[in-house]
Amino acid sequence: MRQRILIIQGHPDASARHLCHVLADAYAEGAQSTGHEVRRIEVAALDFPLLRSQKDWESAALPPALQPAQDDIRWCSHLIMVFPLWLGDMPALLKGFLEQVARPGFAFRYKEGDLALTEKGLTGRSARVVVTMGMPALVYRWVFRAHSVKSLERNILGFVGIAPVHETLVGGIGHLGDEGVRQWQTKLRRLGAAGH
C-alpha cells in the first residue's frame, strides 16, 4: 500500500550532519524508491517559542512557522520520528515542537461537557520512532525499560490516536564505525521501501 510519509527529524543541532540525518535520509530514499510520497520536517530549522502556560497551549495562536507542520501531520498516513536520546529522553526542542503542534482542536478534542475525556484527532495514522543513543540498545530496553520511548508512544502518539507505533533503537553509536552506519542505513532503507 502506498503511504504518505512524514519524516520528523528531531536532532536539534542544525550546524552539522548527525547520524539522525543519515538515517532519515536512508528511510526517505527507500520510501521514494517504491513510490511512497515523502515530506520532511527538520525541527532544528524551525523558529518557534516554547509554551509556558496551559492557557497558551489551549488558546494562543499556533506560531506561523508551525502551521505547515500541522498540515503535514494532517496529510500523512505514516509518521517517522528520528531523534537522539539526550539525558534519557528526546531533546527539549523536539518536545517543545510536539507541545506546540499537538494542540487541542487539532491533535485531540475535549468531549463536550467533560474536560477529562477526549476524542483522538489523529487516528488512521501509524508511526515509527527511530532513536539513536550512546548506550547499547539492549541496556536501554531492559535496564531502563525504554521509558522515554514508551512514554512518547503512549502519552503523546497513542493519546492522539496514532497507532500502531513501532520503534527502532540504534545503540552504541560511538562504536558503530562506517560499516555499522552502512548496516543501519540499509535497515532504514528497507523499512522506508516497505512504508513501515
Protein backbone atom coordinates (compact mmCIF):
# COMPACT_ATOMS: atom_id res chain seq x y z
CA MET A 1 0.00 0.00 0.00
CA ARG A 2 1.35 3.41 -0.98
CA GLN A 3 1.92 5.61 2.06
CA ARG A 4 2.04 9.36 2.61
CA ILE A 5 5.09 9.50 4.87
CA LEU A 6 6.15 12.41 7.06
CA ILE A 7 9.67 12.26 8.48
CA ILE A 8 10.23 14.48 11.52
CA GLN A 9 13.99 14.76 12.04
CA GLY A 10 14.34 15.90 15.63
CA HIS A 11 18.07 16.38 16.16
CA PRO A 12 18.29 19.96 17.48
CA ASP A 13 21.76 20.75 16.07
CA ALA A 14 21.38 22.36 12.65
CA SER A 15 25.09 23.25 12.41
CA ALA A 16 26.27 19.76 11.38
CA ARG A 17 25.02 16.44 9.99
CA HIS A 18 24.49 13.71 12.55
CA LEU A 19 23.54 10.06 12.43
CA CYS A 20 19.88 11.07 12.76
CA HIS A 21 20.16 12.96 9.45
CA VAL A 22 21.82 9.99 7.77
CA LEU A 23 19.12 7.58 8.97
CA ALA A 24 16.29 9.94 7.99
CA ASP A 25 17.84 10.27 4.52
CA ALA A 26 18.12 6.47 4.17
CA TYR A 27 14.49 5.98 5.16
CA ALA A 28 13.37 8.68 2.68
CA GLU A 29 15.44 7.12 -0.13
CA GLY A 30 13.91 3.71 0.48
CA ALA A 31 10.38 5.10 0.66
CA GLN A 32 10.71 7.14 -2.53
CA SER A 33 12.26 4.20 -4.38
CA THR A 34 8.99 2.25 -4.08
CA GLY A 35 6.61 5.11 -4.82
CA HIS A 36 5.68 6.36 -1.35
CA GLU A 37 5.15 10.10 -1.05
CA VAL A 38 7.55 11.71 1.41
CA ARG A 39 7.58 15.04 3.20
CA ARG A 40 10.12 16.13 5.79
CA ILE A 41 10.33 18.43 8.78
CA GLU A 42 13.70 19.49 10.23
CA VAL A 43 12.75 20.68 13.70
CA ALA A 44 16.08 22.50 14.18
CA ALA A 45 15.30 24.71 11.16
CA LEU A 46 12.01 25.98 12.61
CA ASP A 47 11.64 29.19 14.61
CA PHE A 48 9.06 28.88 17.38
CA PRO A 49 8.76 29.76 21.07
CA LEU A 50 8.35 27.26 23.86
CA LEU A 51 4.98 27.16 25.56
CA ARG A 52 4.96 28.42 29.13
CA SER A 53 1.36 28.06 30.28
CA GLN A 54 -1.68 25.84 29.90
CA LYS A 55 -3.63 28.88 28.71
CA ASP A 56 -1.19 29.42 25.82
CA TRP A 57 -1.32 25.73 24.91
CA GLU A 58 -5.11 25.70 24.85
CA SER A 59 -5.90 29.07 23.30
CA ALA A 60 -2.88 31.01 21.96
CA ALA A 61 -2.40 31.12 18.21
CA LEU A 62 -0.15 28.48 16.68
CA PRO A 63 3.16 30.09 15.66
CA PRO A 64 3.06 30.70 11.88
CA ALA A 65 6.22 28.62 11.33
CA LEU A 66 4.37 25.55 12.63
CA GLN A 67 1.21 25.72 10.51
CA PRO A 68 2.94 23.78 7.67
CA ALA A 69 3.95 21.13 10.25
CA GLN A 70 0.34 20.64 11.33
CA ASP A 71 -0.68 20.49 7.66
CA ASP A 72 1.95 17.80 7.01
CA ILE A 73 0.85 15.79 10.05
CA ARG A 74 -2.76 16.00 8.86
CA TRP A 75 -1.63 14.90 5.36
CA CYS A 76 0.43 11.86 6.36
CA SER A 77 -0.67 8.28 6.79
CA HIS A 78 2.65 7.21 8.39
CA LEU A 79 4.87 9.28 10.68
CA ILE A 80 8.59 8.74 11.28
CA MET A 81 10.29 10.47 14.20
CA VAL A 82 14.10 10.37 14.33
CA PHE A 83 15.95 11.80 17.32
CA PRO A 84 18.90 11.23 19.68
CA LEU A 85 18.40 10.17 23.27
CA TRP A 86 19.57 13.06 25.47
CA LEU A 87 19.54 12.70 29.26
CA GLY A 88 17.26 9.70 28.87
CA ASP A 89 14.64 11.45 26.71
CA MET A 90 14.02 13.32 23.46
CA PRO A 91 15.81 16.68 23.12
CA ALA A 92 13.92 19.63 24.60
CA LEU A 93 13.49 21.30 21.19
CA LEU A 94 11.63 18.28 19.83
CA LYS A 95 9.44 18.13 22.94
CA GLY A 96 8.70 21.84 22.54
CA PHE A 97 7.75 21.24 18.91
CA LEU A 98 5.35 18.45 19.88
CA GLU A 99 3.79 20.59 22.62
CA GLN A 100 3.16 23.34 20.07
CA VAL A 101 1.70 21.20 17.27
CA ALA A 102 -0.30 18.73 19.39
CA ARG A 103 -2.86 21.32 20.47
CA PRO A 104 -6.49 20.82 21.48
CA GLY A 105 -8.69 21.09 18.41
CA PHE A 106 -6.01 19.55 16.19
CA ALA A 107 -4.43 16.52 17.84
CA PHE A 108 -7.44 15.83 20.07
CA ARG A 109 -10.75 17.37 21.14
CA TYR A 110 -12.32 17.58 24.55
CA LYS A 111 -15.62 15.72 24.69
CA GLU A 112 -18.49 18.13 25.06
CA GLY A 113 -19.18 18.92 28.69
CA ASP A 114 -16.25 16.85 30.03
CA LEU A 115 -12.69 18.21 30.09
CA ALA A 116 -11.41 14.89 31.47
CA LEU A 117 -12.33 12.88 28.36
CA THR A 118 -11.01 13.45 24.87
CA GLU A 119 -11.56 12.33 21.29
CA LYS A 120 -8.40 11.42 19.40
CA GLY A 121 -7.78 13.75 16.48
CA LEU A 122 -5.08 11.87 14.53
CA THR A 123 -6.46 8.37 14.13
CA GLY A 124 -5.76 6.49 10.92
CA ARG A 125 -2.00 7.07 11.11
CA SER A 126 0.80 4.72 12.09
CA ALA A 127 4.29 5.67 13.27
CA ARG A 128 7.87 4.53 13.70
CA VAL A 129 10.17 6.07 16.30
CA VAL A 130 13.90 5.87 15.49
CA VAL A 131 16.15 6.72 18.45
CA THR A 132 19.94 6.90 18.48
CA MET A 133 21.87 6.55 21.74
CA GLY A 134 25.32 6.04 23.16
CA MET A 135 24.41 3.09 25.38
CA PRO A 136 23.66 -0.34 23.92
CA ALA A 137 20.02 -0.56 22.84
CA LEU A 138 19.51 -3.70 24.94
CA VAL A 139 20.61 -1.83 28.07
CA TYR A 140 18.16 0.96 27.31
CA ARG A 141 15.36 -1.51 26.61
CA TRP A 142 15.89 -3.93 29.52
CA VAL A 143 17.58 -1.90 32.26
CA PHE A 144 15.88 1.45 31.66
CA ARG A 145 12.73 -0.15 30.19
CA ALA A 146 12.90 2.27 27.22
CA HIS A 147 10.86 4.57 29.46
CA SER A 148 11.01 7.73 27.35
CA VAL A 149 10.15 5.94 24.10
CA LYS A 150 7.27 4.15 25.84
CA SER A 151 6.09 7.49 27.21
CA LEU A 152 6.18 9.03 23.72
CA GLU A 153 4.29 6.08 22.28
CA ARG A 154 1.63 6.00 24.99
CA ASN A 155 1.28 9.58 26.25
CA ILE A 156 1.70 11.53 23.02
CA LEU A 157 1.27 9.40 19.90
CA GLY A 158 -1.25 6.99 21.38
CA PHE A 159 -3.14 9.77 23.16
CA VAL A 160 -3.86 11.49 19.83
CA GLY A 161 -4.78 8.24 18.06
CA ILE A 162 -1.59 7.32 16.19
CA ALA A 163 -1.29 3.52 16.15
CA PRO A 164 0.39 1.17 15.74
CA VAL A 165 3.73 2.65 16.76
CA HIS A 166 6.93 0.69 16.09
CA GLU A 167 10.40 1.52 17.32
CA THR A 168 13.93 1.22 16.03
CA LEU A 169 16.60 1.69 18.71
CA VAL A 170 20.11 2.37 17.40
CA GLY A 171 22.50 1.87 20.31
CA GLY A 172 26.23 2.17 20.83
CA ILE A 173 26.56 4.85 18.19
CA GLY A 174 30.04 5.83 19.33
CA HIS A 175 31.31 2.41 18.27
CA LEU A 176 29.36 1.82 15.03
CA GLY A 177 32.12 2.77 12.60
CA ASP A 178 31.46 3.22 8.89
CA GLU A 179 30.30 -0.36 8.39
CA GLY A 180 27.86 -0.16 11.28
CA VAL A 181 26.40 3.06 9.89
CA ARG A 182 26.02 1.43 6.46
CA GLN A 183 24.21 -1.52 8.02
CA TRP A 184 21.74 0.82 9.75
CA GLN A 185 21.26 2.77 6.52
CA THR A 186 20.37 -0.49 4.79
CA LYS A 187 17.86 -1.35 7.52
CA LEU A 188 16.23 2.08 7.33
CA ARG A 189 16.07 1.94 3.52
CA ARG A 190 14.26 -1.40 3.76
CA LEU A 191 11.80 -0.01 6.29
CA GLY A 192 11.21 3.02 4.07
CA ALA A 193 10.72 0.88 0.98
CA ALA A 194 8.10 -1.13 2.85
CA GLY A 195 6.44 2.02 4.21
CA HIS A 196 6.88 0.79 7.77
